[in-house]
């Protein structure tokens, strides 16, 4: 039997549908730490190149242009990873409860944890730039 023509069609809310499709995508599980790896390699590769081309004076200690640049880049990346962790955590809360949302919710929570790990790792890897002089 067909439903009456004037009965509204039951569809999920757009926010729930968008959250489920965003949270169900497995790419955030790979992208977070892959981008952290790219940042890590670029940081230490760039540091090596800068030390070979234009090393700062060792007399300046840790307060020099190279460490300042590394700290600015690390702060930007830490903020970006933190925002990605926050967005993933919000997406996991918007996934509807039930067995159908268990997979997307798991992926969103895992992505949030991985982005938070990348943010913490970025901050900890940049910490020597505050304490140590480069190129020594």
Protein backbone atom coordinates (compact mmCIF):
# COMPACT_ATOMS: atom_id res chain seq x y z
CA UNK A 1 0.00 0.00 0.00
CA UNK A 2 1.30 3.44 -0.95
CA UNK A 3 1.46 6.26 1.57
CA UNK A 4 -0.98 9.10 0.95
CA UNK A 5 0.24 11.71 -1.52
CA UNK A 6 -0.01 14.51 1.04
CA UNK A 7 2.12 12.68 3.65
CA UNK A 8 5.56 14.22 4.04
CA UNK A 9 8.46 12.03 3.03
CA UNK A 10 10.63 11.07 6.00
CA UNK A 11 14.25 11.92 5.44
CA UNK A 12 17.07 12.50 7.90
CA UNK A 13 17.79 16.09 8.85
CA UNK A 14 20.41 17.72 6.60
CA UNK A 15 22.78 18.31 9.53
CA UNK A 16 22.65 14.66 10.57
CA UNK A 17 23.08 13.50 6.99
CA UNK A 18 26.08 15.81 6.49
CA UNK A 19 27.66 14.79 9.79
CA UNK A 20 27.25 11.12 8.98
CA UNK A 21 28.80 11.50 5.53
CA UNK A 22 31.66 13.64 6.86
CA UNK A 23 32.33 11.38 9.82
CA UNK A 24 32.03 8.23 7.72
CA UNK A 25 34.84 9.22 5.40
CA UNK A 26 38.05 7.40 6.36
CA UNK A 27 40.44 9.95 4.85
CA UNK A 28 40.78 12.00 8.08
CA UNK A 29 42.39 8.95 9.67
CA UNK A 30 45.20 9.13 7.13
CA UNK A 31 45.45 12.84 6.46
CA UNK A 32 46.15 14.01 10.02
CA UNK A 33 49.38 12.17 10.66
CA UNK A 34 50.40 12.32 6.99
CA UNK A 35 50.27 16.13 7.14
CA UNK A 36 52.16 16.04 10.43
CA UNK A 37 54.86 13.91 8.74
CA UNK A 38 55.09 16.43 5.89
CA UNK A 39 55.42 19.25 8.42
CA UNK A 40 58.09 17.34 10.35
CA UNK A 41 60.16 16.64 7.22
CA UNK A 42 59.78 20.19 5.92
CA UNK A 43 60.77 21.63 9.29
CA UNK A 44 63.95 19.63 9.69
CA UNK A 45 64.78 19.71 5.97
CA UNK A 46 64.25 23.47 5.91
CA UNK A 47 66.35 23.84 9.05
CA UNK A 48 69.20 21.92 7.43
CA UNK A 49 69.02 24.00 4.25
CA UNK A 50 68.84 27.27 6.20
CA UNK A 51 71.84 26.24 8.30
CA UNK A 52 73.81 25.47 5.14
CA UNK A 53 72.81 28.65 3.26
CA UNK A 54 72.47 31.39 5.90
CA UNK A 55 73.17 30.19 9.43
CA UNK A 56 72.27 32.60 12.21
CA UNK A 57 75.00 33.73 14.60
CA UNK A 58 75.55 31.28 17.48
CA UNK A 59 75.99 34.30 19.77
CA UNK A 60 72.28 35.04 19.44
CA UNK A 61 71.38 31.74 21.07
CA UNK A 62 67.82 30.55 20.58
CA UNK A 63 66.47 34.06 19.88
CA UNK A 64 67.12 34.36 16.14
CA UNK A 65 65.20 34.60 12.89
CA UNK A 66 65.35 30.87 12.15
CA UNK A 67 63.87 29.76 15.45
CA UNK A 68 61.25 32.51 15.22
CA UNK A 69 60.21 31.23 11.80
CA UNK A 70 60.06 27.65 13.07
CA UNK A 71 57.94 28.73 16.04
CA UNK A 72 55.50 30.66 13.85
CA UNK A 73 55.10 27.71 11.49
CA UNK A 74 54.72 25.29 14.41
CA UNK A 75 52.10 27.51 16.04
CA UNK A 76 50.14 27.72 12.78
CA UNK A 77 50.27 23.96 12.28
CA UNK A 78 49.35 23.29 15.91
CA UNK A 79 46.33 25.57 15.55
CA UNK A 80 45.30 23.92 12.28
CA UNK A 81 45.56 20.42 13.79
CA UNK A 82 43.68 21.60 16.87
CA UNK A 83 40.87 23.00 14.74
CA UNK A 84 40.71 19.75 12.75
CA UNK A 85 40.48 17.79 16.03
CA UNK A 86 37.67 20.05 17.22
CA UNK A 87 35.76 19.73 13.93
CA UNK A 88 36.10 15.94 14.01
CA UNK A 89 34.91 15.81 17.62
CA UNK A 90 31.87 17.92 16.73
CA UNK A 91 31.14 15.68 13.75
CA UNK A 92 31.22 12.61 16.00
CA UNK A 93 28.61 14.19 18.28
CA UNK A 94 26.31 14.97 15.35
CA UNK A 95 26.22 11.39 14.09
CA UNK A 96 22.84 9.85 14.98
CA UNK A 97 22.86 7.19 17.69
CA UNK A 98 22.29 3.59 16.76
CA UNK A 99 24.03 0.80 14.96
CA UNK A 100 23.99 2.66 11.63
CA UNK A 101 26.03 5.53 13.09
CA UNK A 102 28.56 3.41 14.99
CA UNK A 103 31.11 3.25 12.15
CA UNK A 104 31.03 6.94 11.23
CA UNK A 105 31.12 7.92 14.91
CA UNK A 106 34.18 5.69 15.47
CA UNK A 107 35.96 7.19 12.48
CA UNK A 108 35.20 10.74 13.61
CA UNK A 109 36.36 10.07 17.18
CA UNK A 110 39.51 8.33 15.96
CA UNK A 111 40.27 11.18 13.55
CA UNK A 112 39.78 13.65 16.40
CA UNK A 113 42.27 11.73 18.55
CA UNK A 114 44.78 11.54 15.68
CA UNK A 115 44.51 15.27 14.95
CA UNK A 116 44.96 16.03 18.65
CA UNK A 117 48.03 13.77 18.67
CA UNK A 118 49.40 15.63 15.66
CA UNK A 119 48.79 18.99 17.39
CA UNK A 120 50.55 17.86 20.57
CA UNK A 121 53.43 16.35 18.58
CA UNK A 122 53.86 19.56 16.61
CA UNK A 123 54.07 21.61 19.79
CA UNK A 124 56.53 19.20 21.41
CA UNK A 125 58.77 18.97 18.34
CA UNK A 126 58.92 22.78 18.18
CA UNK A 127 59.87 23.09 21.85
CA UNK A 128 63.65 22.83 21.23
CA UNK A 129 63.40 25.98 19.09
CA UNK A 130 62.66 27.89 22.30
CA UNK A 131 65.54 26.37 24.23
CA UNK A 132 68.33 25.56 21.77
CA UNK A 133 70.27 27.51 19.19
CA UNK A 134 70.03 26.05 15.67
CA UNK A 135 72.97 25.10 13.49
CA UNK A 136 75.31 24.36 16.39
